[in-house]
Amino acid sequence: MKKNYIPVLVAVALIVVVVLIGLSTGLLEKYSYSQERADLNTYFNVVGGEETAIIFNDTLIETDALYRDGHVYFPLAFVDENLNNHFYYDMSQQQLLFTTDTAILSTAIGSTDYNFGTEFASESYALTVAMNDTLYLADEFVKKFSNFSYQFFAEPNRVIIDTVWEEERHALVKKDTQVRVLGGVKSEILADLSKGDDVRLVDEMETWSLVTTYDGISGYVENKRLEETDPVTPTPVTDYVAPAYAPLQRDGKICLVWNMVTNMDANSFAEGLLQNTQGVNVISPTWFSLIDDYGNFSSLADAGYVTAMHNRGIQVWALLDNFTNKEVSTANVVNNTTSRRNLIDQLIRTVQQYQIDGINVDFEAVSAEAAPGYIQFLRELYIECHKNGIILSADNGYLLNYDRGKQGEVVDYVIIMGYDEHVAAADGVGSNASIDFVQSGIEKTVSQVPAEKVINAIPFYTRLWKTTGDIGQVAYGMNEIENFLNNNGVTTIWDDGTCQYTAQFSVDGTDYAVWLEESESIAVKLSVMEKYNLAGVAGWRLGQEKSDIWNEIAAYLQQ
């Protein structure tokens, strides 16, 4: 009988063994480390060849660089946004420019040579590469004018670029291990780590930590494989010293008035218009207007006018506009190096000829297409102005395409046109310059431009809105609108919201609305300007104001 139990016991034992093997296999499968490796080309989002991933300040960005002939080439847009925004690509003439406070560097696209002011230089590599409508700049060329560190690694191509050198947490690897895509033993392997390797700790979790390797791979490592070390502070790169733009500025507050001059005879009216003013120390006659796409302009400059103003202790900042001649394309002028140089050369010669003290650039409705060239124009004009002691100012409306920060770096004064809040029916009927609108313009500007460079312009005119039928408005000088209201028996009331006297009324069946500019509204604007310690005040335009506003302006200038 006992012999009959042996086969049963053997069978049971075999079943137990099979179960144990199954359990151990399942546990092994569950807890064993995956050896599957991630595709690094996919990880870095590159397809091979010259395409090179950019890891900028520890972040893999969507933009790619190129690796060619032993150099990394960065896209100009990336350089402009992150490394140095003083490069300018003239597509029409196929050249790259770099502008400092004293000189302009120029190089033909694809060339190894460049001119920097009067100096000639050459490198062993192409400074630029143009491919698929994108311009790329060589690593070492950009580094001449920017503070950053970079390292290139192959297979796949990637470049690590750093511009921030803050304290970092680091750890040593205690035992050979792997960096994985996610925190888990089944996640794909990104890289192998050996005992003693150094990694940067980015984020520490319960059992895994996010780390970055020296060659730019970010992934997860088990905490038990790491031993945190003392923090590390990278050595900052400070080889490049940015140009120091030194503004030419008057002592004390600026009090500028624009003088509208439409013909040579109008120059003779300026002295009469100044009779009842107080504190005016700068006058800006509207003398220069672009007349074609090649940088030529018309001029109403008058030597006697300049002499008369100088005798009054008033500087003359001649205005250049881009809107008198509607057929002129501002983009064509400023985006073409030859046209820009022609405009600048003629401006400087004319200013010197008439002993004019400054140039006031009033380019309005600057398009997105023209915006980069406009900044380049101001940078190049700055160089020539400062060589010759000429003050440079630029007027700014409320369009997005005015880069006030870049303007404020180079021009001596950034002037806010603190009016035209409501101009067309599309804007809605409303104030020309409510106090909130004025204050907002000032706040936005001083957040980008030093307050001592900012002038706020106030309106010497009021817009009378017709609200019956086709909505529209007409601009009136202060005396003109006062006479209109008095003649029609209109009473205005003070509005705390706009800080202006306002009225809505009807005349002969036509409805009107008005927000007045007069001494009290001007006083409120000046008080806000004083709060922000601005460089001064400007007024558009001389002759439209009432004499009593000069008491308010004089008080502001003395604060």
Protein backbone atom coordinates (compact mmCIF):
# COMPACT_ATOMS: atom_id res chain seq x y z
CA MET A 1 0.00 0.00 0.00
CA LYS A 2 2.81 2.43 0.80
CA LYS A 3 4.25 2.02 -2.67
CA ASN A 4 0.99 3.33 -4.12
CA TYR A 5 1.56 6.74 -2.40
CA ILE A 6 4.93 7.44 -4.04
CA PRO A 7 3.64 8.45 -7.52
CA VAL A 8 1.08 10.74 -5.90
CA LEU A 9 3.70 12.46 -3.78
CA VAL A 10 5.96 12.88 -6.79
CA ALA A 11 3.11 14.41 -8.79
CA VAL A 12 2.27 16.81 -5.99
CA ALA A 13 5.91 17.82 -5.66
CA LEU A 14 6.14 18.46 -9.38
CA ILE A 15 3.02 20.62 -9.26
CA VAL A 16 4.46 22.63 -6.37
CA VAL A 17 7.72 23.08 -8.27
CA VAL A 18 5.87 24.24 -11.37
CA VAL A 19 3.79 26.68 -9.29
CA LEU A 20 6.90 28.02 -7.57
CA ILE A 21 8.68 28.40 -10.88
CA GLY A 22 5.65 30.24 -12.26
CA LEU A 23 5.47 32.52 -9.27
CA SER A 24 9.18 33.27 -9.33
CA THR A 25 9.06 33.90 -13.07
CA GLY A 26 6.15 36.30 -12.61
CA LEU A 27 7.89 38.07 -9.77
CA LEU A 28 11.12 38.21 -11.77
CA GLU A 29 9.23 39.61 -14.73
CA LYS A 30 7.51 42.14 -12.54
CA TYR A 31 10.55 43.38 -10.65
CA SER A 32 13.40 42.84 -13.09
CA TYR A 33 15.01 45.82 -14.85
CA SER A 34 14.04 46.34 -18.48
CA GLN A 35 16.96 46.40 -20.89
CA GLU A 36 14.97 48.04 -23.69
CA ARG A 37 16.65 51.23 -24.89
CA ALA A 38 14.96 54.42 -26.02
CA ASP A 39 15.65 55.82 -29.47
CA LEU A 40 17.72 58.97 -28.77
CA ASN A 41 16.91 60.49 -32.16
CA THR A 42 13.26 60.37 -31.17
CA TYR A 43 14.08 61.60 -27.67
CA PHE A 44 15.93 64.66 -29.04
CA ASN A 45 13.52 65.00 -31.97
CA VAL A 46 16.22 65.01 -34.65
CA VAL A 47 16.40 62.89 -37.77
CA GLY A 48 20.17 62.82 -38.20
CA GLY A 49 22.48 64.48 -40.69
CA GLU A 50 23.21 68.12 -39.84
CA GLU A 51 20.12 68.60 -37.72
CA THR A 52 21.11 69.40 -34.13
CA ALA A 53 18.91 69.60 -31.07
CA ILE A 54 19.24 72.64 -28.78
CA ILE A 55 19.13 72.20 -25.01
CA PHE A 56 18.87 75.76 -23.72
CA ASN A 57 19.26 76.29 -19.97
CA ASP A 58 18.33 72.62 -19.39
CA THR A 59 15.26 72.73 -21.62
CA LEU A 60 15.03 70.90 -24.93
CA ILE A 61 13.47 73.46 -27.28
CA GLU A 62 11.62 72.94 -30.53
CA THR A 63 14.08 74.95 -32.62
CA ASP A 64 17.00 73.03 -34.15
CA ALA A 65 20.52 74.12 -34.98
CA LEU A 66 22.85 72.80 -37.70
CA TYR A 67 26.21 71.05 -37.33
CA ARG A 68 28.44 71.67 -40.31
CA ASP A 69 32.22 71.56 -40.84
CA GLY A 70 32.92 71.29 -37.12
CA HIS A 71 30.72 74.19 -36.06
CA VAL A 72 27.25 74.53 -34.66
CA TYR A 73 25.08 77.09 -36.44
CA PHE A 74 22.28 78.68 -34.41
CA PRO A 75 19.10 80.06 -36.04
CA LEU A 76 19.10 83.87 -36.07
CA ALA A 77 15.68 83.98 -34.38
CA PHE A 78 17.05 81.90 -31.49
CA VAL A 79 20.13 84.13 -31.21
CA ASP A 80 17.98 87.26 -31.27
CA GLU A 81 15.65 86.01 -28.55
CA ASN A 82 18.20 84.39 -26.24
CA LEU A 83 21.80 85.42 -26.86
CA ASN A 84 22.12 88.84 -28.51
CA ASN A 85 19.47 90.91 -30.28
CA HIS A 86 21.82 93.27 -32.12
CA PHE A 87 22.18 91.12 -35.24
CA TYR A 88 20.15 92.17 -38.28
CA TYR A 89 19.59 90.19 -41.49
CA ASP A 90 19.17 92.29 -44.63
CA MET A 91 17.51 89.78 -46.92
CA SER A 92 17.34 92.18 -49.86
CA GLN A 93 21.11 92.62 -49.92
CA GLN A 94 22.04 89.23 -48.44
CA GLN A 95 24.16 90.48 -45.60
CA LEU A 96 24.23 90.19 -41.85
CA LEU A 97 24.83 93.26 -39.68
CA PHE A 98 25.78 93.59 -36.04
CA THR A 99 25.49 97.03 -34.47
CA THR A 100 27.23 98.38 -31.38
CA ASP A 101 27.19 101.89 -29.95
CA THR A 102 30.11 102.96 -32.17
CA ALA A 103 30.31 100.74 -35.26
CA ILE A 104 28.53 98.34 -37.60
CA LEU A 105 29.80 94.88 -38.49
CA SER A 106 28.79 93.56 -41.93
CA THR A 107 29.33 90.24 -43.65
CA ALA A 108 27.95 88.70 -46.82
CA ILE A 109 25.85 85.59 -46.24
CA GLY A 110 28.05 82.48 -46.45
CA SER A 111 31.30 84.47 -46.25
CA THR A 112 34.24 83.94 -43.90
CA ASP A 113 35.08 87.67 -43.98
CA TYR A 114 33.58 90.69 -42.28
CA ASN A 115 34.11 94.40 -41.81
CA PHE A 116 33.71 95.95 -38.38
CA GLY A 117 33.69 99.69 -38.77
CA THR A 118 36.92 100.41 -40.65
CA GLU A 119 38.54 97.10 -39.66
CA PHE A 120 38.62 93.96 -41.85
CA ALA A 121 38.73 90.45 -40.37
CA SER A 122 38.41 86.86 -41.54
CA GLU A 123 37.67 83.50 -39.90
CA SER A 124 38.41 79.94 -40.98
CA TYR A 125 34.71 79.07 -41.09
CA ALA A 126 31.61 80.47 -42.76
CA LEU A 127 30.07 83.01 -40.40
CA THR A 128 26.55 82.35 -41.64
CA VAL A 129 24.58 79.66 -43.44
CA ALA A 130 21.28 80.27 -45.24
CA MET A 131 19.07 77.21 -45.68
CA ASN A 132 15.33 76.72 -46.21
CA ASP A 133 14.53 80.42 -45.63
CA THR A 134 16.38 80.35 -42.30
CA LEU A 135 19.63 82.13 -41.50
CA TYR A 136 22.04 80.37 -39.14
CA LEU A 137 24.98 81.98 -37.32
CA ALA A 138 28.20 80.16 -36.43
CA ASP A 139 28.77 79.33 -32.75
CA GLU A 140 32.13 81.07 -32.31
CA PHE A 141 31.00 84.10 -34.30
CA VAL A 142 27.99 84.62 -32.03
CA LYS A 143 30.18 84.04 -28.99
CA LYS A 144 32.31 87.06 -29.90
CA PHE A 145 29.30 89.18 -29.01
CA SER A 146 27.46 87.18 -26.36
CA ASN A 147 28.02 85.59 -22.96
CA PHE A 148 27.07 81.91 -23.01
CA SER A 149 28.66 78.49 -22.72
CA TYR A 150 28.01 75.63 -25.11
CA GLN A 151 28.99 71.99 -25.70
CA PHE A 152 28.30 69.83 -28.71
CA PHE A 153 27.67 66.08 -28.58
CA ALA A 154 27.11 63.69 -31.46
CA GLU A 155 24.99 60.56 -32.01
CA PRO A 156 22.57 62.17 -31.99
CA ASN A 157 23.65 65.77 -32.61
CA ARG A 158 22.83 68.07 -29.73
CA VAL A 159 24.22 71.28 -28.30
CA ILE A 160 23.89 72.36 -24.68
CA ILE A 161 23.72 76.14 -24.25
CA ASP A 162 23.75 77.90 -20.89
CA THR A 163 23.24 81.57 -20.07
CA VAL A 164 22.29 81.09 -16.40
CA TRP A 165 24.85 80.02 -13.82
CA GLU A 166 22.97 79.53 -10.59
CA GLU A 167 23.78 77.07 -7.78
CA GLU A 168 22.93 73.46 -8.71
CA ARG A 169 22.33 70.29 -6.68
CA HIS A 170 24.60 67.42 -7.73
CA ALA A 171 24.98 63.74 -6.91
CA LEU A 172 27.50 60.95 -7.48
CA VAL A 173 26.45 57.57 -8.83
CA LYS A 174 27.14 54.89 -6.14
CA LYS A 175 26.72 51.90 -8.43
CA ASP A 176 26.49 51.31 -12.17
CA THR A 177 22.96 52.08 -13.27
CA GLN A 178 20.87 53.64 -16.04
CA VAL A 179 18.98 56.86 -16.74
CA ARG A 180 15.43 55.98 -17.73
CA VAL A 181 12.70 57.88 -19.56
CA LEU A 182 10.34 57.55 -16.57
CA GLY A 183 10.70 56.61 -12.92
CA GLY A 184 10.28 52.83 -13.04
CA VAL A 185 12.36 49.72 -13.74
CA LYS A 186 10.30 48.94 -16.83
CA SER A 187 10.92 52.33 -18.43
CA GLU A 188 13.23 52.54 -21.44
CA ILE A 189 16.92 53.30 -20.91
CA LEU A 190 18.25 56.64 -22.09
CA ALA A 191 21.86 56.34 -20.95
CA ASP A 192 24.20 54.22 -18.86
CA LEU A 193 25.87 55.61 -15.76
CA SER A 194 29.01 54.28 -14.13
CA LYS A 195 29.98 54.38 -10.48
CA GLY A 196 31.49 57.79 -9.71
CA ASP A 197 29.68 59.66 -12.48
CA ASP A 198 28.40 63.12 -11.57
CA VAL A 199 24.81 64.13 -12.37
CA ARG A 200 22.74 67.20 -11.64
CA LEU A 201 19.71 66.68 -9.39
CA VAL A 202 16.68 68.38 -10.87
CA ASP A 203 13.85 66.93 -8.83
CA GLU A 204 13.87 64.34 -6.03
CA MET A 205 10.90 62.01 -5.45
CA GLU A 206 10.26 59.09 -3.10
CA THR A 207 12.28 56.40 -4.89
CA TRP A 208 13.43 58.07 -8.12
CA SER A 209 15.06 61.39 -9.01
CA LEU A 210 15.05 63.41 -12.17
CA VAL A 211 18.65 64.08 -13.18
CA THR A 212 20.56 65.63 -16.06
CA THR A 213 23.81 64.16 -17.33
CA TYR A 214 26.82 66.13 -18.50
CA ASP A 215 25.88 65.42 -22.12
CA GLY A 216 22.35 66.76 -21.89
CA ILE A 217 20.23 63.68 -21.20
CA SER A 218 17.46 64.21 -18.68
CA GLY A 219 15.76 61.21 -17.12
CA TYR A 220 15.18 59.22 -13.94
CA VAL A 221 17.58 57.33 -11.67
CA GLU A 222 16.78 55.34 -8.53
CA ASN A 223 17.57 57.26 -5.36
CA LYS A 224 19.42 54.27 -3.90
CA ARG A 225 21.99 54.62 -6.70
CA LEU A 226 22.72 58.27 -5.86
CA GLU A 227 24.59 60.12 -3.15
CA GLU A 228 24.04 63.86 -3.03
CA THR A 229 27.18 66.01 -2.92
CA ASP A 230 27.79 69.66 -2.13
CA PRO A 231 26.02 72.14 -4.42
CA VAL A 232 27.94 73.32 -7.47
CA THR A 233 27.90 76.87 -8.87
CA PRO A 234 29.05 76.99 -12.51
CA THR A 235 31.57 79.64 -13.50
CA PRO A 236 29.74 82.44 -15.31
CA VAL A 237 30.85 83.40 -18.82
CA THR A 238 31.61 87.11 -18.86
CA ASP A 239 34.02 87.51 -21.77
CA TYR A 240 31.76 89.80 -23.77
CA VAL A 241 31.11 93.32 -22.52
CA ALA A 242 27.94 94.82 -23.98
CA PRO A 243 28.17 98.33 -25.41
CA ALA A 244 27.43 101.17 -23.04
CA TYR A 245 25.03 103.56 -24.71
CA ALA A 246 25.63 107.00 -23.25
CA PRO A 247 22.61 109.26 -23.77
CA LEU A 248 22.93 112.89 -24.76
CA GLN A 249 20.50 114.66 -22.47
CA ARG A 250 19.65 118.19 -21.38
CA ASP A 251 19.88 119.21 -17.75
CA GLY A 252 16.50 119.43 -16.05
CA LYS A 253 13.12 118.54 -17.45
CA ILE A 254 12.34 118.69 -21.12
CA CYS A 255 9.49 120.90 -22.29
CA LEU A 256 9.06 120.19 -26.00
CA VAL A 257 6.46 121.57 -28.37
CA TRP A 258 5.89 120.36 -31.88
CA ASN A 259 5.60 123.16 -34.42
CA MET A 260 3.58 122.15 -37.47
CA VAL A 261 5.35 123.55 -40.54
CA THR A 262 3.78 122.78 -43.91
CA ASN A 263 5.69 125.26 -46.10
CA MET A 264 8.68 127.56 -45.85
CA ASP A 265 6.55 130.63 -45.02
CA ALA A 266 5.17 128.86 -41.94
CA ASN A 267 8.62 128.95 -40.33
CA SER A 268 8.14 132.65 -39.65
CA PHE A 269 5.14 132.04 -37.39
CA ALA A 270 7.03 130.16 -34.68
CA GLU A 271 8.20 133.15 -32.66
CA GLY A 272 4.67 134.55 -32.48
CA LEU A 273 3.29 131.20 -31.35
CA LEU A 274 5.86 131.09 -28.54
CA GLN A 275 4.90 134.49 -27.09
CA ASN A 276 2.53 133.21 -24.41
CA THR A 277 4.38 129.99 -23.54
CA GLN A 278 6.37 129.27 -20.40
CA GLY A 279 9.32 126.94 -19.96
CA VAL A 280 9.66 125.70 -23.54
CA ASN A 281 13.25 124.55 -24.05
CA VAL A 282 12.87 122.32 -27.14
CA ILE A 283 10.91 122.94 -30.34
CA SER A 284 10.37 120.26 -32.98
CA PRO A 285 9.39 121.68 -36.38
CA THR A 286 7.86 119.19 -38.83
CA TRP A 287 10.55 119.74 -41.44
CA PHE A 288 11.49 116.36 -42.90
CA SER A 289 9.23 113.84 -44.69
CA LEU A 290 10.16 110.65 -46.52
CA ILE A 291 9.44 111.02 -50.24
CA ASP A 292 10.45 107.65 -51.68
CA ASP A 293 11.54 104.10 -50.81
CA TYR A 294 15.24 104.95 -51.18
CA GLY A 295 15.62 107.08 -48.09
CA ASN A 296 15.24 110.49 -49.70
CA PHE A 297 13.23 113.13 -47.87
CA SER A 298 11.86 116.63 -48.37
CA SER A 299 13.09 119.46 -46.17
CA LEU A 300 11.61 122.71 -44.92
CA ALA A 301 14.66 123.52 -42.76
CA ASP A 302 15.34 127.20 -42.22
CA ALA A 303 18.60 128.64 -40.85
CA GLY A 304 16.90 131.81 -39.57
CA TYR A 305 14.43 129.68 -37.59
CA VAL A 306 17.26 127.84 -35.87
CA THR A 307 19.07 131.05 -35.05
CA ALA A 308 15.90 132.62 -33.60
CA MET A 309 15.28 129.58 -31.40
CA HIS A 310 18.86 129.46 -30.19
CA ASN A 311 18.60 133.12 -29.27
CA ARG A 312 15.67 132.16 -27.06
CA GLY A 313 17.67 129.34 -25.44
CA ILE A 314 15.54 126.74 -27.21
CA GLN A 315 16.97 123.66 -28.91
CA VAL A 316 15.64 122.57 -32.30
CA TRP A 317 14.90 118.86 -32.80
CA ALA A 318 13.78 118.56 -36.41
CA LEU A 319 11.01 116.00 -36.97
CA LEU A 320 11.23 113.28 -39.62
CA ASP A 321 7.91 111.65 -40.58
CA ASN A 322 6.90 108.62 -42.66
CA PHE A 323 3.28 109.56 -43.32
CA THR A 324 3.13 112.85 -45.25
CA ASN A 325 3.75 110.98 -48.50
CA LYS A 326 1.40 108.00 -48.40
CA GLU A 327 3.03 106.17 -51.32
CA VAL A 328 6.27 105.63 -49.41
CA SER A 329 6.80 102.14 -47.93
CA THR A 330 8.45 102.47 -44.53
CA ALA A 331 9.38 98.77 -44.67
CA ASN A 332 11.22 99.25 -47.96
CA VAL A 333 13.19 102.16 -46.52
CA VAL A 334 14.24 100.66 -43.20
CA ASN A 335 14.72 97.04 -44.31
CA ASN A 336 17.22 97.93 -47.03
CA THR A 337 20.73 98.83 -45.88
CA THR A 338 21.44 101.11 -48.83
CA SER A 339 18.21 103.08 -48.26
CA ARG A 340 18.83 103.35 -44.51
CA ARG A 341 22.38 104.60 -45.05
CA ASN A 342 21.20 107.12 -47.65
CA LEU A 343 18.55 108.44 -45.25
CA ILE A 344 20.97 108.66 -42.34
CA ASP A 345 23.74 110.31 -44.37
CA GLN A 346 21.37 112.96 -45.69
CA LEU A 347 19.86 113.59 -42.27
CA ILE A 348 23.23 114.13 -40.65
CA ARG A 349 24.43 116.44 -43.44
CA THR A 350 21.24 118.52 -43.25
CA VAL A 351 21.32 118.74 -39.45
CA GLN A 352 24.93 119.86 -39.53
CA GLN A 353 24.28 122.35 -42.32
CA TYR A 354 21.50 124.09 -40.34
CA GLN A 355 23.10 123.60 -36.91
CA ILE A 356 20.06 121.67 -35.71
CA ASP A 357 20.38 120.20 -32.21
CA GLY A 358 18.43 116.97 -32.55
CA ILE A 359 16.35 114.61 -34.67
CA ASN A 360 12.85 113.55 -33.66
CA VAL A 361 11.79 110.40 -35.53
CA ASP A 362 8.02 110.24 -35.92
CA PHE A 363 7.41 106.98 -37.78
CA GLU A 364 3.78 106.02 -37.30
CA ALA A 365 1.85 102.85 -38.19
CA VAL A 366 5.06 100.81 -38.19
CA SER A 367 4.12 97.41 -39.58
CA ALA A 368 5.34 94.05 -38.27
CA GLU A 369 7.35 93.76 -41.48
CA ALA A 370 9.05 97.10 -40.86
CA ALA A 371 9.60 96.70 -37.09
CA PRO A 372 13.06 94.99 -37.13
CA GLY A 373 14.38 97.39 -39.77
CA TYR A 374 13.05 100.36 -37.81
CA ILE A 375 15.08 99.36 -34.75
CA GLN A 376 18.13 98.82 -36.97
CA PHE A 377 17.58 102.29 -38.44
CA LEU A 378 17.55 103.84 -34.95
CA ARG A 379 20.70 101.92 -33.95
CA GLU A 380 22.58 103.08 -37.02
CA LEU A 381 21.26 106.63 -36.67
CA TYR A 382 22.38 106.67 -33.02
CA ILE A 383 25.98 106.05 -34.05
CA GLU A 384 26.05 109.00 -36.44
CA CYS A 385 24.08 111.28 -34.13
CA HIS A 386 26.43 110.68 -31.22
CA LYS A 387 29.52 111.13 -33.34
CA ASN A 388 28.21 114.61 -34.04
CA GLY A 389 26.58 115.54 -30.73
CA ILE A 390 23.03 115.32 -32.12
CA ILE A 391 20.20 114.34 -29.73
CA LEU A 392 18.00 111.49 -30.98
CA SER A 393 14.39 110.98 -29.91
CA ALA A 394 11.64 108.66 -31.17
CA ASP A 395 7.86 109.04 -30.93
CA ASN A 396 5.67 106.10 -29.95
CA GLY A 397 1.99 105.45 -30.42
CA TYR A 398 0.15 102.46 -29.03
CA LEU A 399 0.84 99.83 -31.68
CA LEU A 400 2.41 96.49 -30.77
CA ASN A 401 5.20 96.96 -33.29
CA TYR A 402 6.97 99.67 -31.30
CA ASP A 403 9.66 97.88 -29.30
CA ARG A 404 10.19 100.54 -26.66
CA GLY A 405 12.75 98.47 -24.78
CA LYS A 406 15.06 98.27 -27.80
CA GLN A 407 14.41 101.92 -28.62
CA GLY A 408 15.19 102.95 -25.06
CA GLU A 409 18.57 101.28 -25.28
CA VAL A 410 19.76 103.55 -28.08
CA VAL A 411 17.74 106.77 -28.36
CA ASP A 412 18.24 109.62 -25.95
CA TYR A 413 14.53 110.15 -25.37
CA VAL A 414 11.52 107.88 -25.90
CA ILE A 415 8.43 110.04 -26.40
CA ILE A 416 4.99 108.61 -25.63
CA MET A 417 2.20 110.05 -27.76
CA GLY A 418 -0.20 110.10 -24.84
CA TYR A 419 -3.30 110.74 -26.93
CA ASP A 420 -5.39 109.26 -29.78
CA GLU A 421 -7.11 106.88 -27.37
CA HIS A 422 -10.26 107.09 -29.52
CA VAL A 423 -9.74 108.24 -33.08
CA ALA A 424 -12.05 106.30 -35.40
CA ALA A 425 -15.54 104.84 -35.15
CA ALA A 426 -13.93 101.41 -34.72
CA ASP A 427 -12.40 102.64 -31.43
CA GLY A 428 -15.80 103.69 -30.15
CA VAL A 429 -16.76 107.20 -29.14
CA GLY A 430 -14.63 108.34 -26.24
CA SER A 431 -11.89 110.46 -24.77
CA ASN A 432 -8.78 111.38 -26.70
CA ALA A 433 -6.63 110.98 -23.59
CA SER A 434 -8.33 109.75 -20.43
CA ILE A 435 -6.17 109.61 -17.32
CA ASP A 436 -6.19 105.79 -17.18
CA PHE A 437 -5.01 105.66 -20.79
CA VAL A 438 -2.21 108.14 -20.09
CA GLN A 439 -1.09 106.37 -16.93
CA SER A 440 -1.15 102.96 -18.61
CA GLY A 441 1.06 104.24 -21.42
CA ILE A 442 3.54 105.64 -18.93
CA GLU A 443 3.60 102.48 -16.81
CA LYS A 444 4.19 100.23 -19.81
CA THR A 445 6.97 102.46 -21.08
CA VAL A 446 8.88 102.90 -17.82
CA SER A 447 8.77 99.12 -17.34
CA GLN A 448 11.03 98.92 -20.40
CA VAL A 449 12.79 102.28 -20.56
CA PRO A 450 14.55 104.24 -17.78
CA ALA A 451 12.20 106.99 -16.59
CA GLU A 452 14.89 109.61 -17.14
CA LYS A 453 14.64 108.88 -20.87
CA VAL A 454 10.83 109.02 -21.09
CA ILE A 455 8.85 112.07 -22.19
CA ASN A 456 5.05 111.97 -22.17
CA ALA A 457 3.29 114.04 -24.82
CA ILE A 458 -0.04 115.67 -24.02
CA PRO A 459 -2.68 116.91 -26.48
CA PHE A 460 -3.34 120.59 -26.98
CA TYR A 461 -6.50 119.65 -28.87
CA THR A 462 -9.90 118.05 -28.29
CA ARG A 463 -11.89 115.72 -30.52
CA LEU A 464 -15.54 116.62 -31.05
CA TRP A 465 -17.51 113.47 -31.84
CA LYS A 466 -20.60 113.42 -34.04
CA THR A 467 -22.72 110.51 -32.89
CA THR A 468 -25.72 110.87 -35.23
CA GLY A 469 -25.57 108.86 -38.45
CA ASP A 470 -22.04 108.08 -39.53
CA ILE A 471 -19.94 108.37 -36.39
CA GLY A 472 -16.90 110.60 -36.79
CA GLN A 473 -14.81 113.25 -35.10
CA VAL A 474 -13.03 116.52 -35.81
CA ALA A 475 -10.02 117.84 -33.87
CA TYR A 476 -10.31 121.36 -32.43
CA GLY A 477 -7.77 123.54 -30.69
CA MET A 478 -8.60 124.51 -27.11
CA ASN A 479 -9.94 127.95 -27.92
CA GLU A 480 -11.87 126.67 -30.93
CA ILE A 481 -13.75 124.00 -28.99
CA GLU A 482 -14.46 126.41 -26.14
CA ASN A 483 -15.99 128.89 -28.60
CA PHE A 484 -18.05 126.14 -30.23
CA LEU A 485 -19.47 125.02 -26.91
CA ASN A 486 -20.17 128.57 -25.71
CA ASN A 487 -21.87 129.52 -28.96
CA ASN A 488 -24.17 126.52 -28.64
CA GLY A 489 -24.90 126.96 -24.94
CA VAL A 490 -23.27 123.69 -23.92
CA THR A 491 -22.43 123.11 -20.26
CA THR A 492 -19.77 120.53 -19.43
CA ILE A 493 -19.42 118.55 -16.22
CA TRP A 494 -16.31 117.06 -14.63
CA ASP A 495 -15.92 113.30 -15.08
CA ASP A 496 -13.81 111.62 -12.39
CA GLY A 497 -13.30 108.55 -14.58
CA THR A 498 -11.47 110.36 -17.37
CA CYS A 499 -10.43 113.43 -15.33
CA GLN A 500 -11.90 115.67 -18.00
CA TYR A 501 -14.88 117.94 -18.51
CA THR A 502 -17.38 116.19 -20.75
CA ALA A 503 -20.74 116.75 -22.39
CA GLN A 504 -23.24 115.07 -24.67
CA PHE A 505 -25.53 117.46 -26.54
CA SER A 506 -27.43 118.17 -29.74
CA VAL A 507 -27.11 121.00 -32.23
CA ASP A 508 -29.66 121.35 -35.06
CA GLY A 509 -30.67 117.70 -34.73
CA THR A 510 -27.15 116.34 -34.67
CA ASP A 511 -25.86 114.62 -31.53
CA TYR A 512 -22.34 115.29 -30.24
CA ALA A 513 -20.04 114.13 -27.46
CA VAL A 514 -16.90 115.80 -26.19
CA TRP A 515 -14.14 115.25 -23.61
CA LEU A 516 -12.26 118.50 -23.15
CA GLU A 517 -8.55 119.14 -22.86
CA GLU A 518 -8.00 122.28 -20.79
CA SER A 519 -5.95 123.40 -17.81
CA GLU A 520 -7.52 121.08 -15.22
CA SER A 521 -7.25 117.91 -17.33
CA ILE A 522 -3.68 118.86 -18.24
CA ALA A 523 -2.84 119.40 -14.55
CA VAL A 524 -3.97 115.87 -13.67
CA LYS A 525 -1.84 114.39 -16.47
CA LEU A 526 1.18 116.37 -15.30
CA SER A 527 0.71 115.14 -11.73
CA VAL A 528 0.84 111.53 -12.95
CA MET A 529 3.97 112.30 -14.95
CA GLU A 530 5.62 113.78 -11.89
CA LYS A 531 4.77 110.63 -9.93
CA TYR A 532 6.86 108.56 -12.35
CA ASN A 533 9.79 111.04 -12.45
CA LEU A 534 9.72 111.34 -16.22
CA ALA A 535 12.24 113.30 -18.26
CA GLY A 536 9.61 115.84 -19.19
CA VAL A 537 6.58 116.81 -21.22
CA ALA A 538 5.81 117.39 -24.89
CA GLY A 539 2.77 119.00 -26.51
CA TRP A 540 1.07 118.50 -29.85
CA ARG A 541 0.86 121.05 -31.20
CA LEU A 542 2.08 124.61 -30.66
CA GLY A 543 -0.71 127.15 -31.28
CA GLN A 544 -3.62 124.90 -30.33
CA GLU A 545 -3.27 125.45 -26.59
CA LYS A 546 -4.88 128.05 -24.33
CA SER A 547 -2.44 130.33 -22.57
CA ASP A 548 -3.55 129.24 -19.08
CA ILE A 549 -2.18 125.71 -19.49
CA TRP A 550 1.33 127.14 -19.38
CA ASN A 551 0.85 127.96 -15.71
CA GLU A 552 0.31 124.23 -15.07
CA ILE A 553 3.28 123.26 -17.23
CA ALA A 554 5.54 125.83 -15.57
CA ALA A 555 4.60 124.45 -12.13
CA TYR A 556 5.37 120.91 -13.31
CA LEU A 557 8.77 121.94 -14.67
CA GLN A 558 9.72 123.47 -11.33
CA GLN A 559 8.89 120.34 -9.29
